[in-house]
Amino acid sequence: MNFLDIFLIIISSAGFLHGVLFAVYLCVLKKKKTKANILLGLILIFMAFRVGKSVLLNFGNDLEPLFIFAGLAFLLLIGPLLRWYVLAMTHVNFNISRGYIFELIPFFYCLLLVFL
């Protein structure tokens, strides 16, 4: 392993750690827990999961295929969560209604395919 590989692992791991810690702060430790903070925390968790999966995929040996394909399915959650976050920031009384849940159908479909 050369210097650039080690540097990439350190930077990626720092990004993963910062994403997880900030998400925990937003969702658990912050006193004013708004819907926007929770949605941003979820976005950060899924992005950190993607970064961690990519590091393991590039530098790990024999990564479980279920883990790889589940990570690809979680990409489909980032779009709706980002849309809901923007709506929560721009509308005072934002609630996730039943109509918004239909945006998660592609994620559940791909997650089901992962287990098949």
N, C-alpha and C. Protein backbone atom coordinates (compact mmCIF):
# COMPACT_ATOMS: atom_id res chain seq x y z
N MET A 1 0.85 -1.17 0.00
CA MET A 1 0.00 0.00 0.00
C MET A 1 0.90 1.24 0.00
N ASN A 2 0.67 2.12 -0.93
CA ASN A 2 1.49 3.31 -1.01
C ASN A 2 0.89 4.46 -0.20
N PHE A 3 1.57 5.58 -0.21
CA PHE A 3 1.17 6.74 0.59
C PHE A 3 -0.20 7.26 0.18
N LEU A 4 -0.50 7.29 -1.11
CA LEU A 4 -1.79 7.82 -1.56
C LEU A 4 -2.96 6.96 -1.11
N ASP A 5 -2.77 5.65 -1.08
CA ASP A 5 -3.82 4.76 -0.59
C ASP A 5 -4.10 4.99 0.90
N ILE A 6 -3.02 5.13 1.67
CA ILE A 6 -3.19 5.39 3.10
C ILE A 6 -3.84 6.74 3.33
N PHE A 7 -3.45 7.73 2.56
CA PHE A 7 -4.04 9.06 2.67
C PHE A 7 -5.53 9.03 2.32
N LEU A 8 -5.89 8.28 1.28
CA LEU A 8 -7.30 8.15 0.89
C LEU A 8 -8.12 7.47 1.98
N ILE A 9 -7.57 6.45 2.60
CA ILE A 9 -8.27 5.77 3.70
C ILE A 9 -8.47 6.70 4.87
N ILE A 10 -7.45 7.49 5.22
CA ILE A 10 -7.57 8.41 6.35
C ILE A 10 -8.61 9.49 6.07
N ILE A 11 -8.58 10.09 4.90
CA ILE A 11 -9.54 11.14 4.56
C ILE A 11 -10.96 10.59 4.48
N SER A 12 -11.12 9.44 3.87
CA SER A 12 -12.46 8.84 3.76
C SER A 12 -13.00 8.44 5.12
N SER A 13 -12.14 7.88 5.94
CA SER A 13 -12.58 7.49 7.28
C SER A 13 -12.94 8.71 8.12
N ALA A 14 -12.21 9.79 7.95
CA ALA A 14 -12.55 11.03 8.66
C ALA A 14 -13.90 11.56 8.19
N GLY A 15 -14.17 11.49 6.90
CA GLY A 15 -15.47 11.90 6.38
C GLY A 15 -16.59 11.04 6.92
N PHE A 16 -16.35 9.74 6.99
CA PHE A 16 -17.34 8.83 7.56
C PHE A 16 -17.60 9.16 9.02
N LEU A 17 -16.54 9.35 9.78
CA LEU A 17 -16.68 9.63 11.20
C LEU A 17 -17.36 10.97 11.45
N HIS A 18 -17.01 12.00 10.70
CA HIS A 18 -17.65 13.30 10.86
C HIS A 18 -19.14 13.23 10.51
N GLY A 19 -19.48 12.51 9.47
CA GLY A 19 -20.89 12.37 9.09
C GLY A 19 -21.71 11.68 10.17
N VAL A 20 -21.17 10.61 10.72
CA VAL A 20 -21.89 9.87 11.76
C VAL A 20 -22.01 10.69 13.03
N LEU A 21 -20.93 11.32 13.45
CA LEU A 21 -20.97 12.11 14.69
C LEU A 21 -21.90 13.31 14.58
N PHE A 22 -21.89 14.00 13.44
CA PHE A 22 -22.78 15.14 13.27
C PHE A 22 -24.24 14.68 13.19
N ALA A 23 -24.48 13.54 12.57
CA ALA A 23 -25.84 13.01 12.51
C ALA A 23 -26.35 12.64 13.91
N VAL A 24 -25.48 12.04 14.73
CA VAL A 24 -25.87 11.71 16.11
C VAL A 24 -26.16 12.98 16.88
N TYR A 25 -25.36 14.01 16.67
CA TYR A 25 -25.61 15.28 17.34
C TYR A 25 -26.96 15.85 16.93
N LEU A 26 -27.26 15.85 15.64
CA LEU A 26 -28.52 16.42 15.17
C LEU A 26 -29.73 15.64 15.64
N CYS A 27 -29.63 14.32 15.63
CA CYS A 27 -30.80 13.48 15.93
C CYS A 27 -30.97 13.19 17.41
N VAL A 28 -29.89 13.19 18.19
CA VAL A 28 -29.98 12.73 19.57
C VAL A 28 -29.65 13.84 20.56
N LEU A 29 -28.53 14.51 20.37
CA LEU A 29 -28.01 15.40 21.40
C LEU A 29 -28.55 16.83 21.35
N LYS A 30 -28.94 17.30 20.19
CA LYS A 30 -29.41 18.68 20.07
C LYS A 30 -30.73 18.84 20.80
N LYS A 31 -30.85 19.93 21.55
CA LYS A 31 -32.04 20.11 22.38
C LYS A 31 -33.29 20.38 21.53
N LYS A 32 -33.14 21.21 20.50
CA LYS A 32 -34.30 21.49 19.64
C LYS A 32 -34.25 20.53 18.45
N LYS A 33 -35.04 19.47 18.54
CA LYS A 33 -35.06 18.46 17.49
C LYS A 33 -36.20 18.77 16.51
N THR A 34 -35.87 19.48 15.45
CA THR A 34 -36.86 19.78 14.43
C THR A 34 -36.86 18.66 13.39
N LYS A 35 -37.90 18.64 12.57
CA LYS A 35 -37.96 17.65 11.49
C LYS A 35 -36.81 17.83 10.51
N ALA A 36 -36.45 19.08 10.28
CA ALA A 36 -35.34 19.35 9.36
C ALA A 36 -34.03 18.79 9.89
N ASN A 37 -33.79 18.92 11.18
CA ASN A 37 -32.56 18.38 11.76
C ASN A 37 -32.52 16.86 11.67
N ILE A 38 -33.63 16.22 11.92
CA ILE A 38 -33.68 14.76 11.85
C ILE A 38 -33.50 14.29 10.41
N LEU A 39 -34.11 14.98 9.46
CA LEU A 39 -33.93 14.61 8.05
C LEU A 39 -32.49 14.80 7.60
N LEU A 40 -31.88 15.90 8.03
CA LEU A 40 -30.47 16.12 7.70
C LEU A 40 -29.59 15.05 8.34
N GLY A 41 -29.90 14.66 9.56
CA GLY A 41 -29.16 13.59 10.22
C GLY A 41 -29.27 12.27 9.46
N LEU A 42 -30.47 11.96 8.96
CA LEU A 42 -30.64 10.74 8.18
C LEU A 42 -29.86 10.80 6.87
N ILE A 43 -29.86 11.97 6.22
CA ILE A 43 -29.09 12.13 5.00
C ILE A 43 -27.61 11.88 5.28
N LEU A 44 -27.12 12.44 6.38
CA LEU A 44 -25.71 12.28 6.73
C LEU A 44 -25.37 10.83 7.05
N ILE A 45 -26.28 10.13 7.73
CA ILE A 45 -26.06 8.71 8.03
C ILE A 45 -25.93 7.90 6.75
N PHE A 46 -26.85 8.12 5.81
CA PHE A 46 -26.82 7.34 4.57
C PHE A 46 -25.61 7.72 3.70
N MET A 47 -25.22 8.98 3.70
CA MET A 47 -24.03 9.37 2.96
C MET A 47 -22.77 8.77 3.60
N ALA A 48 -22.73 8.76 4.93
CA ALA A 48 -21.58 8.15 5.62
C ALA A 48 -21.53 6.65 5.34
N PHE A 49 -22.69 6.02 5.30
CA PHE A 49 -22.75 4.60 4.96
C PHE A 49 -22.17 4.36 3.56
N ARG A 50 -22.50 5.24 2.63
CA ARG A 50 -21.98 5.11 1.27
C ARG A 50 -20.47 5.28 1.23
N VAL A 51 -19.95 6.27 1.98
CA VAL A 51 -18.51 6.50 2.01
C VAL A 51 -17.80 5.29 2.63
N GLY A 52 -18.33 4.81 3.74
CA GLY A 52 -17.74 3.64 4.39
C GLY A 52 -17.77 2.41 3.52
N LYS A 53 -18.88 2.22 2.81
CA LYS A 53 -18.99 1.07 1.91
C LYS A 53 -17.98 1.18 0.78
N SER A 54 -17.79 2.36 0.26
CA SER A 54 -16.83 2.54 -0.83
C SER A 54 -15.40 2.29 -0.38
N VAL A 55 -15.06 2.73 0.83
CA VAL A 55 -13.72 2.47 1.36
C VAL A 55 -13.51 0.97 1.54
N LEU A 56 -14.50 0.29 2.11
CA LEU A 56 -14.38 -1.15 2.29
C LEU A 56 -14.32 -1.89 0.96
N LEU A 57 -15.06 -1.39 -0.02
CA LEU A 57 -15.05 -2.03 -1.34
C LEU A 57 -13.70 -1.89 -2.02
N ASN A 58 -13.08 -0.71 -1.89
CA ASN A 58 -11.79 -0.49 -2.55
C ASN A 58 -10.63 -1.14 -1.83
N PHE A 59 -10.67 -1.17 -0.50
CA PHE A 59 -9.50 -1.63 0.24
C PHE A 59 -9.74 -2.91 1.04
N GLY A 60 -10.96 -3.40 1.09
CA GLY A 60 -11.24 -4.63 1.82
C GLY A 60 -11.19 -5.83 0.92
N ASN A 61 -11.11 -6.97 1.53
CA ASN A 61 -11.08 -8.22 0.78
C ASN A 61 -12.38 -8.98 1.01
N ASP A 62 -12.96 -9.48 -0.06
CA ASP A 62 -14.15 -10.32 0.00
C ASP A 62 -15.30 -9.66 0.75
N LEU A 63 -15.71 -8.50 0.27
CA LEU A 63 -16.86 -7.81 0.86
C LEU A 63 -18.13 -8.54 0.45
N GLU A 64 -19.04 -8.70 1.38
CA GLU A 64 -20.29 -9.42 1.16
C GLU A 64 -21.12 -8.73 0.06
N PRO A 65 -21.57 -9.46 -0.97
CA PRO A 65 -22.36 -8.84 -2.04
C PRO A 65 -23.66 -8.23 -1.54
N LEU A 66 -24.25 -8.81 -0.51
CA LEU A 66 -25.47 -8.23 0.06
C LEU A 66 -25.21 -6.82 0.57
N PHE A 67 -24.05 -6.61 1.18
CA PHE A 67 -23.66 -5.30 1.69
C PHE A 67 -23.47 -4.31 0.54
N ILE A 68 -22.88 -4.76 -0.55
CA ILE A 68 -22.65 -3.89 -1.70
C ILE A 68 -23.96 -3.45 -2.32
N PHE A 69 -24.86 -4.39 -2.57
CA PHE A 69 -26.11 -4.05 -3.24
C PHE A 69 -27.08 -3.30 -2.34
N ALA A 70 -27.02 -3.55 -1.03
CA ALA A 70 -27.84 -2.77 -0.10
C ALA A 70 -27.37 -1.32 -0.10
N GLY A 71 -26.06 -1.11 -0.20
CA GLY A 71 -25.54 0.26 -0.29
C GLY A 71 -26.03 0.98 -1.54
N LEU A 72 -26.15 0.24 -2.62
CA LEU A 72 -26.68 0.85 -3.85
C LEU A 72 -28.16 1.18 -3.70
N ALA A 73 -28.88 0.34 -2.99
CA ALA A 73 -30.31 0.62 -2.77
C ALA A 73 -30.49 1.85 -1.88
N PHE A 74 -29.59 2.04 -0.91
CA PHE A 74 -29.71 3.20 -0.03
C PHE A 74 -29.45 4.51 -0.75
N LEU A 75 -28.85 4.45 -1.93
CA LEU A 75 -28.72 5.67 -2.74
C LEU A 75 -30.08 6.25 -3.09
N LEU A 76 -31.06 5.38 -3.24
CA LEU A 76 -32.40 5.84 -3.62
C LEU A 76 -33.13 6.53 -2.47
N LEU A 77 -32.60 6.48 -1.27
CA LEU A 77 -33.21 7.19 -0.15
C LEU A 77 -32.73 8.63 -0.05
N ILE A 78 -31.56 8.93 -0.57
CA ILE A 78 -30.97 10.24 -0.40
C ILE A 78 -31.80 11.31 -1.13
N GLY A 79 -32.31 11.00 -2.31
CA GLY A 79 -33.11 11.96 -3.07
C GLY A 79 -34.38 12.39 -2.34
N PRO A 80 -35.25 11.45 -1.95
CA PRO A 80 -36.45 11.87 -1.21
C PRO A 80 -36.14 12.56 0.11
N LEU A 81 -35.13 12.09 0.82
CA LEU A 81 -34.78 12.75 2.08
C LEU A 81 -34.30 14.17 1.87
N LEU A 82 -33.54 14.39 0.81
CA LEU A 82 -33.08 15.74 0.50
C LEU A 82 -34.25 16.64 0.12
N ARG A 83 -35.19 16.11 -0.63
CA ARG A 83 -36.38 16.89 -1.00
C ARG A 83 -37.20 17.25 0.24
N TRP A 84 -37.38 16.28 1.13
CA TRP A 84 -38.15 16.54 2.35
C TRP A 84 -37.41 17.52 3.26
N TYR A 85 -36.08 17.45 3.27
CA TYR A 85 -35.30 18.40 4.08
C TYR A 85 -35.49 19.82 3.59
N VAL A 86 -35.45 20.01 2.26
CA VAL A 86 -35.65 21.35 1.70
C VAL A 86 -37.06 21.83 2.00
N LEU A 87 -38.05 20.95 1.88
CA LEU A 87 -39.42 21.34 2.22
C LEU A 87 -39.57 21.67 3.70
N ALA A 88 -38.89 20.93 4.56
CA ALA A 88 -38.96 21.21 5.99
C ALA A 88 -38.29 22.53 6.33
N MET A 89 -37.26 22.90 5.58
CA MET A 89 -36.59 24.18 5.83
C MET A 89 -37.38 25.36 5.29
N THR A 90 -38.16 25.15 4.24
CA THR A 90 -38.87 26.27 3.62
C THR A 90 -40.31 26.42 4.08
N HIS A 91 -40.90 25.37 4.65
CA HIS A 91 -42.28 25.44 5.14
C HIS A 91 -42.27 25.28 6.66
N VAL A 92 -43.02 26.14 7.32
CA VAL A 92 -43.01 26.16 8.78
C VAL A 92 -43.63 24.90 9.36
N ASN A 93 -44.78 24.51 8.90
CA ASN A 93 -45.51 23.35 9.45
C ASN A 93 -45.41 22.16 8.52
N PHE A 94 -44.21 21.72 8.23
CA PHE A 94 -44.03 20.60 7.31
C PHE A 94 -44.28 19.28 8.03
N ASN A 95 -45.08 18.43 7.42
CA ASN A 95 -45.31 17.07 7.90
C ASN A 95 -45.16 16.11 6.73
N ILE A 96 -44.61 14.95 7.00
CA ILE A 96 -44.49 13.93 5.96
C ILE A 96 -45.83 13.21 5.87
N SER A 97 -46.52 13.44 4.79
CA SER A 97 -47.84 12.84 4.62
C SER A 97 -47.74 11.54 3.83
N ARG A 98 -48.87 10.91 3.64
CA ARG A 98 -48.88 9.63 2.92
C ARG A 98 -48.42 9.77 1.47
N GLY A 99 -48.67 10.90 0.86
CA GLY A 99 -48.25 11.10 -0.52
C GLY A 99 -46.73 11.07 -0.68
N TYR A 100 -46.02 11.52 0.34
CA TYR A 100 -44.56 11.51 0.29
C TYR A 100 -44.00 10.10 0.42
N ILE A 101 -44.72 9.22 1.06
CA ILE A 101 -44.23 7.86 1.27
C ILE A 101 -44.10 7.11 -0.06
N PHE A 102 -44.91 7.49 -1.05
CA PHE A 102 -44.82 6.83 -2.36
C PHE A 102 -43.47 7.07 -3.03
N GLU A 103 -42.75 8.11 -2.61
CA GLU A 103 -41.44 8.38 -3.18
C GLU A 103 -40.41 7.33 -2.74
N LEU A 104 -40.74 6.53 -1.75
CA LEU A 104 -39.83 5.51 -1.26
C LEU A 104 -40.02 4.16 -1.93
N ILE A 105 -40.98 4.05 -2.84
CA ILE A 105 -41.26 2.78 -3.52
C ILE A 105 -40.03 2.25 -4.28
N PRO A 106 -39.28 3.07 -5.03
CA PRO A 106 -38.10 2.52 -5.71
C PRO A 106 -37.07 1.95 -4.74
N PHE A 107 -36.91 2.59 -3.58
CA PHE A 107 -35.96 2.07 -2.59
C PHE A 107 -36.40 0.70 -2.09
N PHE A 108 -37.65 0.57 -1.70
CA PHE A 108 -38.12 -0.72 -1.19
C PHE A 108 -38.09 -1.81 -2.26
N TYR A 109 -38.35 -1.44 -3.51
CA TYR A 109 -38.29 -2.39 -4.60
C TYR A 109 -36.85 -2.90 -4.79
N CYS A 110 -35.88 -1.98 -4.81
CA CYS A 110 -34.48 -2.39 -4.97
C CYS A 110 -33.98 -3.15 -3.75
N LEU A 111 -34.43 -2.77 -2.56
CA LEU A 111 -34.01 -3.50 -1.36
C LEU A 111 -34.56 -4.93 -1.37
N LEU A 112 -35.78 -5.08 -1.88
CA LEU A 112 -36.35 -6.41 -2.00
C LEU A 112 -35.55 -7.24 -3.01
N LEU A 113 -35.14 -6.62 -4.11
CA LEU A 113 -34.33 -7.33 -5.11
C LEU A 113 -32.98 -7.74 -4.55
N VAL A 114 -32.45 -6.95 -3.63
CA VAL A 114 -31.16 -7.29 -3.02
C VAL A 114 -31.25 -8.61 -2.28
N PHE A 115 -32.35 -8.82 -1.57
CA PHE A 115 -32.47 -10.03 -0.79
C PHE A 115 -32.88 -11.25 -1.62
N LEU A 116 -33.34 -11.01 -2.84
CA LEU A 116 -33.67 -12.13 -3.72
C LEU A 116 -32.44 -12.58 -4.47
